[in-house]
Amino acid sequence: MTSQRERLEKLLTENVAIQPEDLVPYRTFGSRNKIYQACGAQEIECFRHGKLIIIPTAPLRKKLGIEAA
Protein backbone atom coordinates (compact mmCIF):
# COMPACT_ATOMS: atom_id res chain seq x y z
CA MET A 1 0.00 0.00 0.00
CA THR A 2 1.39 3.39 -0.96
CA SER A 3 1.50 6.30 1.44
CA GLN A 4 -0.33 9.55 0.90
CA ARG A 5 3.01 11.31 0.26
CA GLU A 6 3.92 8.76 -2.44
CA ARG A 7 0.54 9.21 -4.14
CA LEU A 8 0.99 13.02 -4.09
CA GLU A 9 4.50 12.67 -5.56
CA LYS A 10 3.13 10.43 -8.31
CA LEU A 11 0.35 12.93 -9.11
CA LEU A 12 2.81 15.82 -9.33
CA THR A 13 5.48 13.98 -11.35
CA GLU A 14 3.13 12.35 -13.89
CA ASN A 15 1.22 15.55 -14.74
CA VAL A 16 2.35 18.87 -16.16
CA ALA A 17 -0.58 20.74 -14.61
CA ILE A 18 -3.38 19.98 -12.16
CA GLN A 19 -6.50 21.66 -10.84
CA PRO A 20 -7.00 22.71 -7.20
CA GLU A 21 -9.53 19.89 -6.73
CA ASP A 22 -6.75 17.36 -7.41
CA LEU A 23 -4.98 18.47 -4.19
CA VAL A 24 -8.00 18.14 -1.88
CA PRO A 25 -7.59 14.41 -1.04
CA TYR A 26 -3.98 14.96 0.07
CA ARG A 27 -4.73 17.77 2.55
CA THR A 28 -1.32 19.29 1.73
CA PHE A 29 -2.66 22.80 2.07
CA GLY A 30 -5.64 21.94 4.26
CA SER A 31 -9.24 22.15 3.14
CA ARG A 32 -10.59 22.93 -0.32
CA ASN A 33 -11.17 26.55 0.70
CA LYS A 34 -7.57 26.96 1.87
CA ILE A 35 -6.28 25.64 -1.46
CA TYR A 36 -8.36 28.20 -3.36
CA GLN A 37 -7.26 30.94 -0.94
CA ALA A 38 -3.61 29.97 -1.50
CA CYS A 39 -4.18 30.17 -5.26
CA GLY A 40 -5.83 33.58 -4.89
CA ALA A 41 -2.95 34.88 -2.75
CA GLN A 42 -0.42 33.36 -5.22
CA GLU A 43 1.06 31.15 -2.48
CA ILE A 44 0.49 28.39 -5.02
CA GLU A 45 1.60 29.48 -8.49
CA CYS A 46 -1.36 29.19 -10.82
CA PHE A 47 -3.14 30.84 -13.72
CA ARG A 48 -6.67 31.07 -15.02
CA HIS A 49 -8.07 29.89 -18.30
CA GLY A 50 -11.54 31.37 -18.21
CA LYS A 51 -13.03 30.15 -14.92
CA LEU A 52 -10.63 27.19 -14.72
CA ILE A 53 -7.68 27.46 -12.33
CA ILE A 54 -4.60 25.59 -13.53
CA ILE A 55 -1.63 24.80 -11.28
CA PRO A 56 1.65 23.95 -13.05
CA THR A 57 3.26 21.09 -11.14
CA ALA A 58 6.95 22.09 -11.50
CA PRO A 59 6.79 25.10 -9.12
CA LEU A 60 4.61 23.13 -6.70
CA ARG A 61 7.07 20.21 -6.68
CA LYS A 62 9.88 22.65 -5.94
CA LYS A 63 7.89 24.23 -3.10
CA LEU A 64 7.14 20.82 -1.58
CA GLY A 65 10.68 19.47 -2.11
CA ILE A 66 9.65 16.73 -4.54
CA GLU A 67 12.22 15.76 -7.17
CA ALA A 68 10.98 15.12 -10.71
CA ALA A 69 11.61 11.62 -12.02
PDB file of N, CA and C in Angstrom:
ATOM      1  N   MET A   1       0.847  -1.182   0.000  1.00  0.00           N
ATOM      2  CA  MET A   1       0.000   0.000   0.000  1.00  0.00           C
ATOM      3  C   MET A   1       0.890   1.242   0.000  1.00  0.00           C
ATOM      4  N   THR A   2       0.571   2.189  -0.862  1.00  0.00           N
ATOM      5  CA  THR A   2       1.387   3.395  -0.962  1.00  0.00           C
ATOM      6  C   THR A   2       0.904   4.461   0.021  1.00  0.00           C
ATOM      7  N   SER A   3       1.842   5.253   0.489  1.00  0.00           N
ATOM      8  CA  SER A   3       1.498   6.304   1.438  1.00  0.00           C
ATOM      9  C   SER A   3       0.890   7.492   0.700  1.00  0.00           C
ATOM     10  N   GLN A   4       0.280   8.357   1.461  1.00  0.00           N
ATOM     11  CA  GLN A   4      -0.328   9.550   0.896  1.00  0.00           C
ATOM     12  C   GLN A   4       0.736  10.421   0.222  1.00  0.00           C
ATOM     13  N   ARG A   5       1.909  10.531   0.833  1.00  0.00           N
ATOM     14  CA  ARG A   5       3.013  11.310   0.260  1.00  0.00           C
ATOM     15  C   ARG A   5       3.443  10.730  -1.082  1.00  0.00           C
ATOM     16  N   GLU A   6       3.532   9.408  -1.183  1.00  0.00           N
ATOM     17  CA  GLU A   6       3.921   8.763  -2.440  1.00  0.00           C
ATOM     18  C   GLU A   6       2.885   9.013  -3.531  1.00  0.00           C
ATOM     19  N   ARG A   7       1.602   8.954  -3.166  1.00  0.00           N
ATOM     20  CA  ARG A   7       0.541   9.214  -4.144  1.00  0.00           C
ATOM     21  C   ARG A   7       0.586  10.661  -4.628  1.00  0.00           C
ATOM     22  N   LEU A   8       0.869  11.606  -3.714  1.00  0.00           N
ATOM     23  CA  LEU A   8       0.988  13.015  -4.087  1.00  0.00           C
ATOM     24  C   LEU A   8       2.181  13.208  -5.019  1.00  0.00           C
ATOM     25  N   GLU A   9       3.318  12.573  -4.697  1.00  0.00           N
ATOM     26  CA  GLU A   9       4.502  12.666  -5.558  1.00  0.00           C
ATOM     27  C   GLU A   9       4.207  12.131  -6.952  1.00  0.00           C
ATOM     28  N   LYS A  10       3.490  11.018  -7.023  1.00  0.00           N
ATOM     29  CA  LYS A  10       3.128  10.425  -8.306  1.00  0.00           C
ATOM     30  C   LYS A  10       2.236  11.376  -9.104  1.00  0.00           C
ATOM     31  N   LEU A  11       1.244  11.978  -8.449  1.00  0.00           N
ATOM     32  CA  LEU A  11       0.352  12.927  -9.107  1.00  0.00           C
ATOM     33  C   LEU A  11       1.144  14.096  -9.690  1.00  0.00           C
ATOM     34  N   LEU A  12       2.075  14.623  -8.903  1.00  0.00           N
ATOM     35  CA  LEU A  12       2.814  15.816  -9.326  1.00  0.00           C
ATOM     36  C   LEU A  12       3.920  15.520 -10.342  1.00  0.00           C
ATOM     37  N   THR A  13       4.427  14.300 -10.382  1.00  0.00           N
ATOM     38  CA  THR A  13       5.479  13.978 -11.350  1.00  0.00           C
ATOM     39  C   THR A  13       4.907  13.454 -12.665  1.00  0.00           C
ATOM     40  N   GLU A  14       3.709  12.904 -12.661  1.00  0.00           N
ATOM     41  CA  GLU A  14       3.128  12.354 -13.887  1.00  0.00           C
ATOM     42  C   GLU A  14       2.327  13.386 -14.672  1.00  0.00           C
ATOM     43  N   ASN A  15       2.033  14.537 -14.077  1.00  0.00           N
ATOM     44  CA  ASN A  15       1.217  15.548 -14.743  1.00  0.00           C
ATOM     45  C   ASN A  15       1.980  16.858 -14.857  1.00  0.00           C
ATOM     46  N   VAL A  16       1.721  17.575 -15.937  1.00  0.00           N
ATOM     47  CA  VAL A  16       2.346  18.873 -16.155  1.00  0.00           C
ATOM     48  C   VAL A  16       1.580  19.946 -15.391  1.00  0.00           C
ATOM     49  N   ALA A  17       0.265  19.782 -15.316  1.00  0.00           N
ATOM     50  CA  ALA A  17      -0.585  20.742 -14.608  1.00  0.00           C
ATOM     51  C   ALA A  17      -1.748  19.991 -13.961  1.00  0.00           C
ATOM     52  N   ILE A  18      -2.237  20.556 -12.865  1.00  0.00           N
ATOM     53  CA  ILE A  18      -3.379  19.979 -12.165  1.00  0.00           C
ATOM     54  C   ILE A  18      -4.353  21.095 -11.817  1.00  0.00           C
ATOM     55  N   GLN A  19      -5.514  20.701 -11.313  1.00  0.00           N
ATOM     56  CA  GLN A  19      -6.497  21.663 -10.839  1.00  0.00           C
ATOM     57  C   GLN A  19      -6.506  21.626  -9.309  1.00  0.00           C
ATOM     58  N   PRO A  20      -6.968  22.691  -8.673  1.00  0.00           N
ATOM     59  CA  PRO A  20      -7.000  22.708  -7.205  1.00  0.00           C
ATOM     60  C   PRO A  20      -7.719  21.501  -6.597  1.00  0.00           C
ATOM     61  N   GLU A  21      -8.772  21.036  -7.245  1.00  0.00           N
ATOM     62  CA  GLU A  21      -9.533  19.894  -6.730  1.00  0.00           C
ATOM     63  C   GLU A  21      -8.679  18.634  -6.617  1.00  0.00           C
ATOM     64  N   ASP A  22      -7.636  18.533  -7.442  1.00  0.00           N
ATOM     65  CA  ASP A  22      -6.753  17.362  -7.409  1.00  0.00           C
ATOM     66  C   ASP A  22      -5.955  17.284  -6.111  1.00  0.00           C
ATOM     67  N   LEU A  23      -5.765  18.426  -5.432  1.00  0.00           N
ATOM     68  CA  LEU A  23      -4.984  18.466  -4.190  1.00  0.00           C
ATOM     69  C   LEU A  23      -5.816  18.189  -2.941  1.00  0.00           C
ATOM     70  N   VAL A  24      -7.130  18.272  -3.048  1.00  0.00           N
ATOM     71  CA  VAL A  24      -8.002  18.139  -1.876  1.00  0.00           C
ATOM     72  C   VAL A  24      -7.802  16.825  -1.123  1.00  0.00           C
ATOM     73  N   PRO A  25      -7.727  15.663  -1.793  1.00  0.00           N
ATOM     74  CA  PRO A  25      -7.588  14.410  -1.038  1.00  0.00           C
ATOM     75  C   PRO A  25      -6.295  14.303  -0.230  1.00  0.00           C
ATOM     76  N   TYR A  26      -5.276  15.076  -0.590  1.00  0.00           N
ATOM     77  CA  TYR A  26      -3.979  14.958   0.071  1.00  0.00           C
ATOM     78  C   TYR A  26      -3.837  15.886   1.273  1.00  0.00           C
ATOM     79  N   ARG A  27      -4.731  16.842   1.411  1.00  0.00           N
ATOM     80  CA  ARG A  27      -4.730  17.774   2.550  1.00  0.00           C
ATOM     81  C   ARG A  27      -3.380  18.473   2.742  1.00  0.00           C
ATOM     82  N   THR A  28      -2.628  18.639   1.667  1.00  0.00           N
ATOM     83  CA  THR A  28      -1.323  19.286   1.728  1.00  0.00           C
ATOM     84  C   THR A  28      -1.444  20.728   2.201  1.00  0.00           C
ATOM     85  N   PHE A  29      -2.443  21.403   1.704  1.00  0.00           N
ATOM     86  CA  PHE A  29      -2.656  22.797   2.069  1.00  0.00           C
ATOM     87  C   PHE A  29      -3.890  22.964   2.950  1.00  0.00           C
ATOM     88  N   GLY A  30      -4.453  21.874   3.412  1.00  0.00           N
ATOM     89  CA  GLY A  30      -5.641  21.943   4.264  1.00  0.00           C
ATOM     90  C   GLY A  30      -6.896  21.655   3.454  1.00  0.00           C
ATOM     91  N   SER A  31      -7.938  22.377   3.766  1.00  0.00           N
ATOM     92  CA  SER A  31      -9.240  22.146   3.144  1.00  0.00           C
ATOM     93  C   SER A  31      -9.291  22.717   1.728  1.00  0.00           C
ATOM     94  N   ARG A  32     -10.364  22.416   1.034  1.00  0.00           N
ATOM     95  CA  ARG A  32     -10.593  22.926  -0.316  1.00  0.00           C
ATOM     96  C   ARG A  32     -10.534  24.457  -0.330  1.00  0.00           C
ATOM     97  N   ASN A  33     -11.161  25.088   0.649  1.00  0.00           N
ATOM     98  CA  ASN A  33     -11.167  26.553   0.703  1.00  0.00           C
ATOM     99  C   ASN A  33      -9.757  27.115   0.851  1.00  0.00           C
ATOM    100  N   LYS A  34      -8.935  26.480   1.672  1.00  0.00           N
ATOM    101  CA  LYS A  34      -7.566  26.957   1.874  1.00  0.00           C
ATOM    102  C   LYS A  34      -6.738  26.829   0.599  1.00  0.00           C
ATOM    103  N   ILE A  35      -6.990  25.795  -0.194  1.00  0.00           N
ATOM    104  CA  ILE A  35      -6.284  25.636  -1.460  1.00  0.00           C
ATOM    105  C   ILE A  35      -6.644  26.785  -2.401  1.00  0.00           C
ATOM    106  N   TYR A  36      -7.941  27.096  -2.499  1.00  0.00           N
ATOM    107  CA  TYR A  36      -8.361  28.195  -3.355  1.00  0.00           C
ATOM    108  C   TYR A  36      -7.859  29.537  -2.830  1.00  0.00           C
ATOM    109  N   GLN A  37      -7.809  29.709  -1.520  1.00  0.00           N
ATOM    110  CA  GLN A  37      -7.264  30.942  -0.936  1.00  0.00           C
ATOM    111  C   GLN A  37      -5.776  31.066  -1.261  1.00  0.00           C
ATOM    112  N   ALA A  38      -5.039  29.958  -1.170  1.00  0.00           N
ATOM    113  CA  ALA A  38      -3.606  29.974  -1.496  1.00  0.00           C
ATOM    114  C   ALA A  38      -3.390  30.311  -2.973  1.00  0.00           C
ATOM    115  N   CYS A  39      -4.262  29.824  -3.833  1.00  0.00           N
ATOM    116  CA  CYS A  39      -4.179  30.171  -5.258  1.00  0.00           C
ATOM    117  C   CYS A  39      -4.456  31.657  -5.455  1.00  0.00           C
ATOM    118  N   GLY A  40      -5.472  32.166  -4.780  1.00  0.00           N
ATOM    119  CA  GLY A  40      -5.825  33.579  -4.895  1.00  0.00           C
ATOM    120  C   GLY A  40      -4.739  34.497  -4.383  1.00  0.00           C
ATOM    121  N   ALA A  41      -4.028  34.077  -3.342  1.00  0.00           N
ATOM    122  CA  ALA A  41      -2.947  34.876  -2.753  1.00  0.00           C
ATOM    123  C   ALA A  41      -1.602  34.603  -3.443  1.00  0.00           C
ATOM    124  N   GLN A  42      -1.621  33.756  -4.479  1.00  0.00           N
ATOM    125  CA  GLN A  42      -0.421  33.362  -5.216  1.00  0.00           C
ATOM    126  C   GLN A  42       0.616  32.649  -4.344  1.00  0.00           C
ATOM    127  N   GLU A  43       0.167  32.017  -3.264  1.00  0.00           N
ATOM    128  CA  GLU A  43       1.056  31.151  -2.481  1.00  0.00           C
ATOM    129  C   GLU A  43       1.316  29.874  -3.261  1.00  0.00           C
ATOM    130  N   ILE A  44       0.345  29.497  -4.078  1.00  0.00           N
ATOM    131  CA  ILE A  44       0.487  28.394  -5.020  1.00  0.00           C
ATOM    132  C   ILE A  44       0.475  29.050  -6.395  1.00  0.00           C
ATOM    133  N   GLU A  45       1.543  28.867  -7.158  1.00  0.00           N
ATOM    134  CA  GLU A  45       1.600  29.477  -8.488  1.00  0.00           C
ATOM    135  C   GLU A  45       0.536  28.844  -9.371  1.00  0.00           C
ATOM    136  N   CYS A  46      -0.292  29.693  -9.974  1.00  0.00           N
ATOM    137  CA  CYS A  46      -1.365  29.190 -10.821  1.00  0.00           C
ATOM    138  C   CYS A  46      -1.752  30.265 -11.832  1.00  0.00           C
ATOM    139  N   PHE A  47      -2.594  29.876 -12.778  1.00  0.00           N
ATOM    140  CA  PHE A  47      -3.143  30.839 -13.720  1.00  0.00           C
ATOM    141  C   PHE A  47      -4.551  30.417 -14.076  1.00  0.00           C
ATOM    142  N   ARG A  48      -5.283  31.348 -14.641  1.00  0.00           N
ATOM    143  CA  ARG A  48      -6.674  31.075 -15.016  1.00  0.00           C
ATOM    144  C   ARG A  48      -6.798  30.943 -16.527  1.00  0.00           C
ATOM    145  N   HIS A  49      -7.659  30.041 -16.908  1.00  0.00           N
ATOM    146  CA  HIS A  49      -8.072  29.893 -18.296  1.00  0.00           C
ATOM    147  C   HIS A  49      -9.586  29.959 -18.257  1.00  0.00           C
ATOM    148  N   GLY A  50     -10.119  31.164 -18.437  1.00  0.00           N
ATOM    149  CA  GLY A  50     -11.544  31.375 -18.213  1.00  0.00           C
ATOM    150  C   GLY A  50     -11.816  31.244 -16.722  1.00  0.00           C
ATOM    151  N   LYS A  51     -12.734  30.379 -16.339  1.00  0.00           N
ATOM    152  CA  LYS A  51     -13.027  30.151 -14.924  1.00  0.00           C
ATOM    153  C   LYS A  51     -12.157  29.050 -14.323  1.00  0.00           C
ATOM    154  N   LEU A  52     -11.449  28.327 -15.159  1.00  0.00           N
ATOM    155  CA  LEU A  52     -10.634  27.193 -14.723  1.00  0.00           C
ATOM    156  C   LEU A  52      -9.309  27.666 -14.129  1.00  0.00           C
ATOM    157  N   ILE A  53      -8.967  27.171 -12.947  1.00  0.00           N
ATOM    158  CA  ILE A  53      -7.678  27.461 -12.330  1.00  0.00           C
ATOM    159  C   ILE A  53      -6.749  26.291 -12.633  1.00  0.00           C
ATOM    160  N   ILE A  54      -5.571  26.607 -13.161  1.00  0.00           N
ATOM    161  CA  ILE A  54      -4.601  25.586 -13.532  1.00  0.00           C
ATOM    162  C   ILE A  54      -3.325  25.812 -12.722  1.00  0.00           C
ATOM    163  N   ILE A  55      -2.840  24.742 -12.103  1.00  0.00           N
ATOM    164  CA  ILE A  55      -1.629  24.804 -11.284  1.00  0.00           C
ATOM    165  C   ILE A  55      -0.535  24.016 -11.995  1.00  0.00           C
ATOM    166  N   PRO A  56       0.527  24.700 -12.482  1.00  0.00           N
ATOM    167  CA  PRO A  56       1.653  23.953 -13.050  1.00  0.00           C
ATOM    168  C   PRO A  56       2.352  23.169 -11.933  1.00  0.00           C
ATOM    169  N   THR A  57       2.724  21.945 -12.205  1.00  0.00           N
ATOM    170  CA  THR A  57       3.262  21.094 -11.136  1.00  0.00           C
ATOM    171  C   THR A  57       4.725  21.364 -10.814  1.00  0.00           C
ATOM    172  N   ALA A  58       5.517  21.874 -11.763  1.00  0.00           N
ATOM    173  CA  ALA A  58       6.949  22.086 -11.503  1.00  0.00           C
ATOM    174  C   ALA A  58       7.194  23.036 -10.318  1.00  0.00           C
ATOM    175  N   PRO A  59       6.566  24.223 -10.273  1.00  0.00           N
ATOM    176  CA  PRO A  59       6.786  25.103  -9.117  1.00  0.00           C
ATOM    177  C   PRO A  59       6.262  24.503  -7.804  1.00  0.00           C
ATOM    178  N   LEU A  60       5.171  23.749  -7.903  1.00  0.00           N
ATOM    179  CA  LEU A  60       4.609  23.129  -6.700  1.00  0.00           C
ATOM    180  C   LEU A  60       5.520  22.024  -6.185  1.00  0.00           C
ATOM    181  N   ARG A  61       6.095  21.225  -7.097  1.00  0.00           N
ATOM    182  CA  ARG A  61       7.065  20.211  -6.684  1.00  0.00           C
ATOM    183  C   ARG A  61       8.253  20.847  -5.986  1.00  0.00           C
ATOM    184  N   LYS A  62       8.734  21.950  -6.540  1.00  0.00           N
ATOM    185  CA  LYS A  62       9.877  22.648  -5.944  1.00  0.00           C
ATOM    186  C   LYS A  62       9.527  23.150  -4.546  1.00  0.00           C
ATOM    187  N   LYS A  63       8.335  23.711  -4.398  1.00  0.00           N
ATOM    188  CA  LYS A  63       7.887  24.229  -3.103  1.00  0.00           C
ATOM    189  C   LYS A  63       7.770  23.117  -2.058  1.00  0.00           C
ATOM    190  N   LEU A  64       7.342  21.932  -2.494  1.00  0.00           N
ATOM    191  CA  LEU A  64       7.145  20.816  -1.580  1.00  0.00           C
ATOM    192  C   LEU A  64       8.390  19.934  -1.440  1.00  0.00           C
ATOM    193  N   GLY A  65       9.436  20.241  -2.201  1.00  0.00           N
ATOM    194  CA  GLY A  65      10.676  19.466  -2.111  1.00  0.00           C
ATOM    195  C   GLY A  65      10.580  18.099  -2.754  1.00  0.00           C
ATOM    196  N   ILE A  66       9.817  17.998  -3.820  1.00  0.00           N
ATOM    197  CA  ILE A  66       9.652  16.735  -4.537  1.00  0.00           C
ATOM    198  C   ILE A  66      10.485  16.798  -5.811  1.00  0.00           C
ATOM    199  N   GLU A  67      11.375  15.830  -5.973  1.00  0.00           N
ATOM    200  CA  GLU A  67      12.221  15.760  -7.167  1.00  0.00           C
ATOM    201  C   GLU A  67      11.436  15.143  -8.316  1.00  0.00           C
ATOM    202  N   ALA A  68      11.612  15.688  -9.508  1.00  0.00           N
ATOM    203  CA  ALA A  68      10.976  15.118 -10.711  1.00  0.00           C
ATOM    204  C   ALA A  68      11.722  13.858 -11.114  1.00  0.00           C
ATOM    205  N   ALA A  69      10.987  12.889 -11.610  1.00  0.00           N
ATOM    206  CA  ALA A  69      11.606  11.620 -12.021  1.00  0.00           C
ATOM    207  C   ALA A  69      12.287  11.751 -13.346  1.00  0.00           C
TER     208      ALA A  69
END
